[in-house]
C-alpha atoms as a PDB file:
ATOM      1  CA  ARG A   1      23.351 -10.020  51.640  1.00  0.00           C
ATOM      2  CA  ARG A   2      24.654 -11.376  48.357  1.00  0.00           C
ATOM      3  CA  HIS A   3      24.885  -9.242  45.276  1.00  0.00           C
ATOM      4  CA  GLN A   4      24.102 -11.045  42.041  1.00  0.00           C
ATOM      5  CA  ASP A   5      25.785  -9.878  38.865  1.00  0.00           C
ATOM      6  CA  LEU A   6      24.403 -12.715  36.797  1.00  0.00           C
ATOM      7  CA  ARG A   7      20.911 -14.032  36.134  1.00  0.00           C
ATOM      8  CA  ALA A   8      20.065 -16.884  33.780  1.00  0.00           C
ATOM      9  CA  MET A   9      17.022 -16.642  31.531  1.00  0.00           C
ATOM     10  CA  TRP A  10      15.908 -19.851  29.877  1.00  0.00           C
ATOM     11  CA  LEU A  11      13.434 -19.645  27.009  1.00  0.00           C
ATOM     12  CA  SER A  12      11.689 -22.874  26.072  1.00  0.00           C
ATOM     13  CA  ASP A  13       8.834 -23.896  23.842  1.00  0.00           C
ATOM     14  CA  PRO A  14       6.056 -26.418  24.500  1.00  0.00           C
ATOM     15  CA  LEU A  15       7.412 -28.549  21.625  1.00  0.00           C
ATOM     16  CA  GLU A  16      10.651 -28.909  23.574  1.00  0.00           C
ATOM     17  CA  ARG A  17       8.975 -29.736  26.865  1.00  0.00           C
ATOM     18  CA  GLN A  18       6.469 -32.247  25.494  1.00  0.00           C
ATOM     19  CA  ALA A  19       6.853 -34.322  22.366  1.00  0.00           C
ATOM     20  CA  PRO A  20       4.309 -33.735  19.631  1.00  0.00           C
ATOM     21  CA  ALA A  21       1.940 -36.667  19.295  1.00  0.00           C
ATOM     22  CA  ALA A  22       2.535 -39.282  16.608  1.00  0.00           C
ATOM     23  CA  VAL A  23       4.635 -37.331  14.113  1.00  0.00           C
ATOM     24  CA  SER A  24       7.551 -38.257  11.919  1.00  0.00           C
ATOM     25  CA  GLY A  25       9.647 -36.316   9.461  1.00  0.00           C
ATOM     26  CA  GLN A  26      12.985 -34.823   8.596  1.00  0.00           C
ATOM     27  CA  LEU A  27      14.532 -32.065  10.726  1.00  0.00           C
ATOM     28  CA  THR A  28      17.347 -29.699   9.847  1.00  0.00           C
ATOM     29  CA  ASP A  29      19.282 -26.915  11.513  1.00  0.00           C
ATOM     30  CA  GLY A  30      20.488 -25.643   8.152  1.00  0.00           C
ATOM     31  CA  GLN A  31      23.688 -27.697   8.206  1.00  0.00           C
ATOM     32  CA  HIS A  32      22.726 -31.092   9.573  1.00  0.00           C
ATOM     33  CA  SER A  33      19.574 -33.092   9.083  1.00  0.00           C
ATOM     34  CA  GLY A  34      18.029 -36.155  10.633  1.00  0.00           C
ATOM     35  CA  TRP A  35      14.774 -38.030  11.001  1.00  0.00           C
ATOM     36  CA  LEU A  36      12.392 -37.692  13.907  1.00  0.00           C
ATOM     37  CA  ASP A  37       9.896 -40.488  14.465  1.00  0.00           C
ATOM     38  CA  LEU A  38       7.554 -40.060  17.420  1.00  0.00           C
ATOM     39  CA  ARG A  39       4.790 -42.364  16.238  1.00  0.00           C
ATOM     40  CA  ARG A  40       5.520 -44.848  19.041  1.00  0.00           C
ATOM     41  CA  ALA A  41       4.672 -44.041  22.658  1.00  0.00           C
ATOM     42  CA  ASP A  42       8.059 -45.275  23.927  1.00  0.00           C
ATOM     43  CA  ARG A  43       9.825 -42.709  21.721  1.00  0.00           C
ATOM     44  CA  ARG A  44       7.567 -39.903  22.946  1.00  0.00           C
ATOM     45  CA  ASN A  45       8.269 -41.013  26.521  1.00  0.00           C
ATOM     46  CA  ALA A  46      12.010 -41.006  25.803  1.00  0.00           C
ATOM     47  CA  TRP A  47      11.681 -37.448  24.450  1.00  0.00           C
ATOM     48  CA  GLN A  48       9.864 -36.381  27.628  1.00  0.00           C
ATOM     49  CA  GLN A  49      12.410 -38.063  29.912  1.00  0.00           C
ATOM     50  CA  GLY A  50      15.299 -36.559  27.973  1.00  0.00           C
ATOM     51  CA  TRP A  51      13.798 -33.094  28.324  1.00  0.00           C
ATOM     52  CA  GLN A  52      13.189 -33.545  32.046  1.00  0.00           C
ATOM     53  CA  GLN A  53      16.784 -34.697  32.606  1.00  0.00           C
ATOM     54  CA  HIS A  54      18.116 -31.781  30.560  1.00  0.00           C
ATOM     55  CA  ALA A  55      15.968 -29.302  32.499  1.00  0.00           C
ATOM     56  CA  GLU A  56      17.010 -30.688  35.883  1.00  0.00           C
ATOM     57  CA  THR A  57      20.690 -30.596  34.879  1.00  0.00           C
ATOM     58  CA  ILE A  58      20.376 -26.914  33.998  1.00  0.00           C
ATOM     59  CA  ARG A  59      18.458 -26.052  37.178  1.00  0.00           C
ATOM     60  CA  SER A  60      20.845 -28.026  39.375  1.00  0.00           C
ATOM     61  CA  ARG A  61      23.968 -26.513  37.837  1.00  0.00           C
ATOM     62  CA  LEU A  62      22.666 -22.976  38.198  1.00  0.00           C
ATOM     63  CA  ARG A  63      21.616 -23.651  41.818  1.00  0.00           C
ATOM     64  CA  SER A  64      25.108 -24.968  42.599  1.00  0.00           C
ATOM     65  CA  LEU A  65      26.559 -21.721  41.226  1.00  0.00           C
ATOM     66  CA  ALA A  66      23.981 -19.585  43.082  1.00  0.00           C
ATOM     67  CA  ILE A  67      22.769 -18.140  39.781  1.00  0.00           C
ATOM     68  CA  PRO A  68      19.081 -17.187  39.788  1.00  0.00           C
ATOM     69  CA  LEU A  69      17.081 -18.735  36.946  1.00  0.00           C
ATOM     70  CA  THR A  70      14.060 -17.213  35.263  1.00  0.00           C
ATOM     71  CA  GLU A  71      12.250 -19.704  33.055  1.00  0.00           C
ATOM     72  CA  LEU A  72      10.456 -18.149  30.090  1.00  0.00           C
ATOM     73  CA  ASP A  73       7.769 -19.733  27.914  1.00  0.00           C
ATOM     74  CA  THR A  74       7.272 -18.901  24.235  1.00  0.00           C
ATOM     75  CA  GLN A  75       3.506 -19.237  24.729  1.00  0.00           C
ATOM     76  CA  LEU A  76       3.452 -16.295  27.145  1.00  0.00           C
ATOM     77  CA  SER A  77       3.911 -12.613  26.445  1.00  0.00           C
ATOM     78  CA  ALA A  78       7.072 -10.883  27.678  1.00  0.00           C
ATOM     79  CA  ARG A  79       4.979  -9.242  30.405  1.00  0.00           C
ATOM     80  CA  ASP A  80       3.509 -12.533  31.608  1.00  0.00           C
ATOM     81  CA  ASN A  81       6.931 -14.187  31.517  1.00  0.00           C
ATOM     82  CA  LEU A  82       8.784 -11.483  33.425  1.00  0.00           C
ATOM     83  CA  LEU A  83       6.218 -10.028  35.809  1.00  0.00           C
ATOM     84  CA  PRO A  84       6.346 -12.913  38.328  1.00  0.00           C
ATOM     85  CA  SER A  85      10.142 -12.728  38.657  1.00  0.00           C
ATOM     86  CA  LEU A  86      10.093  -8.929  38.860  1.00  0.00           C
ATOM     87  CA  GLY A  87       7.546  -9.194  41.652  1.00  0.00           C
ATOM     88  CA  ARG A  88       9.773 -11.623  43.578  1.00  0.00           C
ATOM     89  CA  GLN A  89      12.756  -9.326  43.073  1.00  0.00           C
ATOM     90  CA  ALA A  90      10.822  -6.310  44.372  1.00  0.00           C
ATOM     91  CA  ARG A  91       9.634  -8.268  47.426  1.00  0.00           C
ATOM     92  CA  ARG A  92      13.207  -9.406  48.202  1.00  0.00           C
ATOM     93  CA  GLN A  93      14.571  -5.870  47.922  1.00  0.00           C
ATOM     94  CA  GLY A  94      11.776  -4.516  50.106  1.00  0.00           C
ATOM     95  CA  SER A  95      12.551  -7.018  52.867  1.00  0.00           C
ATOM     96  CA  HIS A  96      16.154  -5.818  53.324  1.00  0.00           C
END
């Protein structure tokens, strides 16, 4: 039986996972700024593909390191985010 000292928790928002429809405007992180233009479908598709590649890279890297990943969603409450993974953890511990 392996003992895990590390667990990854990844919090994401629906706006990250799926591009907002037909928007454009300036974005800033407080230091840098740029323009976002998602009025064209090909740009929204590129956003979606970029997110999917990013997500798979994270999942794959954590799998290769045997680090469990809990994905959290800003649309869900803390309870609804964590309860499924706590249930899996309890079932795993009960089976040993």
